[in-house]
Amino acid sequence: MPSRTLVAALAAEVIGTFLFFVVGAGAVIMDAQTGGAVGLIGIALAHGLVLAALGTAFAPISGGQFNPVVTVALWSCRPWHRLRPDQWRAVQPGGDRGPLAGWQGPNY
């Protein structure tokens, strides 16, 4: 049975990645719906601010690594950084379901 801290870290990674994708995709959708009123700067700010907020909120729990590439990069730069495959794989479900939350189906 996984430890309570591992479950909390995995849940934080899934929730954080899901929210990151929802806000990011939401910014792109809002830009498309408003005819470009949000703009590239608004989309970048949405991604940056949500990543900063989620990283601050979940860093004590899971390290706040919501991108598998960040985990691998940290491991390759600092081999003593323990690569946790479970945490690396936990990001995938959040990233898969985030864009689906904003999808309203095909427009026929």
C-alpha atoms as a PDB file:
ATOM      1  CA  MET A   1       0.000   0.000   0.000  1.00  0.00           C
ATOM      2  CA  PRO A   2       1.418   3.410  -0.935  1.00  0.00           C
ATOM      3  CA  SER A   3       2.252   5.789   1.854  1.00  0.00           C
ATOM      4  CA  ARG A   4       0.045   8.741   2.645  1.00  0.00           C
ATOM      5  CA  THR A   5       2.700  11.222   1.525  1.00  0.00           C
ATOM      6  CA  LEU A   6       3.059   9.470  -1.848  1.00  0.00           C
ATOM      7  CA  VAL A   7      -0.702   9.563  -2.403  1.00  0.00           C
ATOM      8  CA  ALA A   8      -0.778  13.252  -1.486  1.00  0.00           C
ATOM      9  CA  ALA A   9       2.112  13.989  -3.865  1.00  0.00           C
ATOM     10  CA  LEU A  10       0.470  12.096  -6.713  1.00  0.00           C
ATOM     11  CA  ALA A  11      -2.889  13.790  -6.102  1.00  0.00           C
ATOM     12  CA  ALA A  12      -1.203  17.200  -6.028  1.00  0.00           C
ATOM     13  CA  GLU A  13       0.495  16.477  -9.356  1.00  0.00           C
ATOM     14  CA  VAL A  14      -2.742  15.342 -11.025  1.00  0.00           C
ATOM     15  CA  ILE A  15      -4.767  18.276  -9.685  1.00  0.00           C
ATOM     16  CA  GLY A  16      -2.047  20.805 -10.446  1.00  0.00           C
ATOM     17  CA  THR A  17      -1.541  19.590 -14.010  1.00  0.00           C
ATOM     18  CA  PHE A  18      -5.292  19.498 -14.594  1.00  0.00           C
ATOM     19  CA  LEU A  19      -5.715  23.085 -13.392  1.00  0.00           C
ATOM     20  CA  PHE A  20      -2.697  24.248 -15.402  1.00  0.00           C
ATOM     21  CA  PHE A  21      -4.172  22.811 -18.590  1.00  0.00           C
ATOM     22  CA  VAL A  22      -7.687  24.088 -17.857  1.00  0.00           C
ATOM     23  CA  VAL A  23      -6.519  27.662 -17.311  1.00  0.00           C
ATOM     24  CA  GLY A  24      -4.134  27.522 -20.263  1.00  0.00           C
ATOM     25  CA  ALA A  25      -6.710  26.078 -22.625  1.00  0.00           C
ATOM     26  CA  GLY A  26      -9.322  28.462 -21.203  1.00  0.00           C
ATOM     27  CA  ALA A  27      -7.126  31.424 -22.075  1.00  0.00           C
ATOM     28  CA  VAL A  28      -6.751  30.176 -25.637  1.00  0.00           C
ATOM     29  CA  ILE A  29     -10.506  29.528 -25.907  1.00  0.00           C
ATOM     30  CA  MET A  30     -11.287  33.001 -24.553  1.00  0.00           C
ATOM     31  CA  ASP A  31      -8.904  34.498 -27.092  1.00  0.00           C
ATOM     32  CA  ALA A  32     -10.669  32.661 -29.906  1.00  0.00           C
ATOM     33  CA  GLN A  33     -14.149  33.545 -28.604  1.00  0.00           C
ATOM     34  CA  THR A  34     -13.359  37.243 -28.267  1.00  0.00           C
ATOM     35  CA  GLY A  35     -11.718  37.539 -31.665  1.00  0.00           C
ATOM     36  CA  GLY A  36      -8.196  37.915 -30.337  1.00  0.00           C
ATOM     37  CA  ALA A  37      -8.917  40.376 -27.525  1.00  0.00           C
ATOM     38  CA  VAL A  38      -6.892  38.375 -24.989  1.00  0.00           C
ATOM     39  CA  GLY A  39      -3.851  38.232 -27.241  1.00  0.00           C
ATOM     40  CA  LEU A  40      -0.602  36.387 -26.927  1.00  0.00           C
ATOM     41  CA  ILE A  41       0.444  38.391 -23.867  1.00  0.00           C
ATOM     42  CA  GLY A  42      -2.790  37.497 -22.064  1.00  0.00           C
ATOM     43  CA  ILE A  43      -2.371  33.815 -22.869  1.00  0.00           C
ATOM     44  CA  ALA A  44       1.233  33.877 -21.679  1.00  0.00           C
ATOM     45  CA  LEU A  45       0.266  35.712 -18.496  1.00  0.00           C
ATOM     46  CA  ALA A  46      -2.486  33.186 -17.778  1.00  0.00           C
ATOM     47  CA  HIS A  47      -0.038  30.303 -18.131  1.00  0.00           C
ATOM     48  CA  GLY A  48       2.675  32.027 -16.109  1.00  0.00           C
ATOM     49  CA  LEU A  49       0.457  33.171 -13.274  1.00  0.00           C
ATOM     50  CA  VAL A  50      -1.319  29.852 -12.852  1.00  0.00           C
ATOM     51  CA  LEU A  51       1.996  27.987 -12.931  1.00  0.00           C
ATOM     52  CA  ALA A  52       3.410  30.325 -10.277  1.00  0.00           C
ATOM     53  CA  ALA A  53       0.319  29.942  -8.081  1.00  0.00           C
ATOM     54  CA  LEU A  54       0.169  26.155  -8.431  1.00  0.00           C
ATOM     55  CA  GLY A  55       3.891  25.785  -7.909  1.00  0.00           C
ATOM     56  CA  THR A  56       3.679  27.846  -4.740  1.00  0.00           C
ATOM     57  CA  ALA A  57       0.665  25.927  -3.480  1.00  0.00           C
ATOM     58  CA  PHE A  58       1.850  22.395  -4.254  1.00  0.00           C
ATOM     59  CA  ALA A  59       5.638  22.697  -3.904  1.00  0.00           C
ATOM     60  CA  PRO A  60       5.644  21.585  -0.252  1.00  0.00           C
ATOM     61  CA  ILE A  61       3.531  18.539  -1.125  1.00  0.00           C
ATOM     62  CA  SER A  62       4.931  17.253  -4.412  1.00  0.00           C
ATOM     63  CA  GLY A  63       7.650  19.601  -5.550  1.00  0.00           C
ATOM     64  CA  GLY A  64       5.329  21.397  -7.947  1.00  0.00           C
ATOM     65  CA  GLN A  65       6.689  19.744 -11.083  1.00  0.00           C
ATOM     66  CA  PHE A  66       3.667  19.784 -13.352  1.00  0.00           C
ATOM     67  CA  ASN A  67       5.601  18.914 -16.471  1.00  0.00           C
ATOM     68  CA  PRO A  68       7.346  15.560 -16.876  1.00  0.00           C
ATOM     69  CA  VAL A  69      10.139  17.298 -18.781  1.00  0.00           C
ATOM     70  CA  VAL A  70      10.904  19.415 -15.700  1.00  0.00           C
ATOM     71  CA  THR A  71      11.258  16.282 -13.595  1.00  0.00           C
ATOM     72  CA  VAL A  72      13.601  14.642 -16.093  1.00  0.00           C
ATOM     73  CA  ALA A  73      15.588  17.877 -16.517  1.00  0.00           C
ATOM     74  CA  LEU A  74      16.056  18.224 -12.761  1.00  0.00           C
ATOM     75  CA  TRP A  75      17.170  14.631 -12.559  1.00  0.00           C
ATOM     76  CA  SER A  76      19.641  15.017 -15.445  1.00  0.00           C
ATOM     77  CA  CYS A  77      21.144  18.203 -13.990  1.00  0.00           C
ATOM     78  CA  ARG A  78      21.252  16.895 -10.449  1.00  0.00           C
ATOM     79  CA  PRO A  79      21.550  13.109 -10.505  1.00  0.00           C
ATOM     80  CA  TRP A  80      21.103  13.011  -6.731  1.00  0.00           C
ATOM     81  CA  HIS A  81      17.586  14.390  -7.257  1.00  0.00           C
ATOM     82  CA  ARG A  82      15.432  11.330  -6.840  1.00  0.00           C
ATOM     83  CA  LEU A  83      13.388  10.676  -9.954  1.00  0.00           C
ATOM     84  CA  ARG A  84      10.046   9.311  -8.855  1.00  0.00           C
ATOM     85  CA  PRO A  85       8.467   7.417 -11.756  1.00  0.00           C
ATOM     86  CA  ASP A  86       5.083   7.399 -10.017  1.00  0.00           C
ATOM     87  CA  GLN A  87       5.126  11.164  -9.741  1.00  0.00           C
ATOM     88  CA  TRP A  88       6.307  11.437 -13.337  1.00  0.00           C
ATOM     89  CA  ARG A  89       3.418   9.275 -14.538  1.00  0.00           C
ATOM     90  CA  ALA A  90       0.863  11.029 -12.316  1.00  0.00           C
ATOM     91  CA  VAL A  91       1.125  14.157 -14.427  1.00  0.00           C
ATOM     92  CA  GLN A  92      -0.280  12.386 -17.475  1.00  0.00           C
ATOM     93  CA  PRO A  93      -3.939  11.933 -16.373  1.00  0.00           C
ATOM     94  CA  GLY A  94      -4.207  15.570 -15.331  1.00  0.00           C
ATOM     95  CA  GLY A  95      -2.733  16.704 -18.603  1.00  0.00           C
ATOM     96  CA  ASP A  96      -5.036  14.444 -20.589  1.00  0.00           C
ATOM     97  CA  ARG A  97      -8.239  15.560 -18.897  1.00  0.00           C
ATOM     98  CA  GLY A  98      -7.481  19.265 -18.616  1.00  0.00           C
ATOM     99  CA  PRO A  99      -8.181  20.124 -22.258  1.00  0.00           C
ATOM    100  CA  LEU A 100     -11.277  17.922 -22.257  1.00  0.00           C
ATOM    101  CA  ALA A 101     -12.802  20.060 -19.496  1.00  0.00           C
ATOM    102  CA  GLY A 102     -13.088  23.006 -21.877  1.00  0.00           C
ATOM    103  CA  TRP A 103     -14.173  21.016 -24.910  1.00  0.00           C
ATOM    104  CA  GLN A 104     -17.852  21.420 -25.685  1.00  0.00           C
ATOM    105  CA  GLY A 105     -18.007  18.909 -28.481  1.00  0.00           C
ATOM    106  CA  PRO A 106     -17.969  19.338 -32.216  1.00  0.00           C
ATOM    107  CA  ASN A 107     -19.740  22.321 -33.707  1.00  0.00           C
ATOM    108  CA  TYR A 108     -21.979  20.931 -36.433  1.00  0.00           C
END
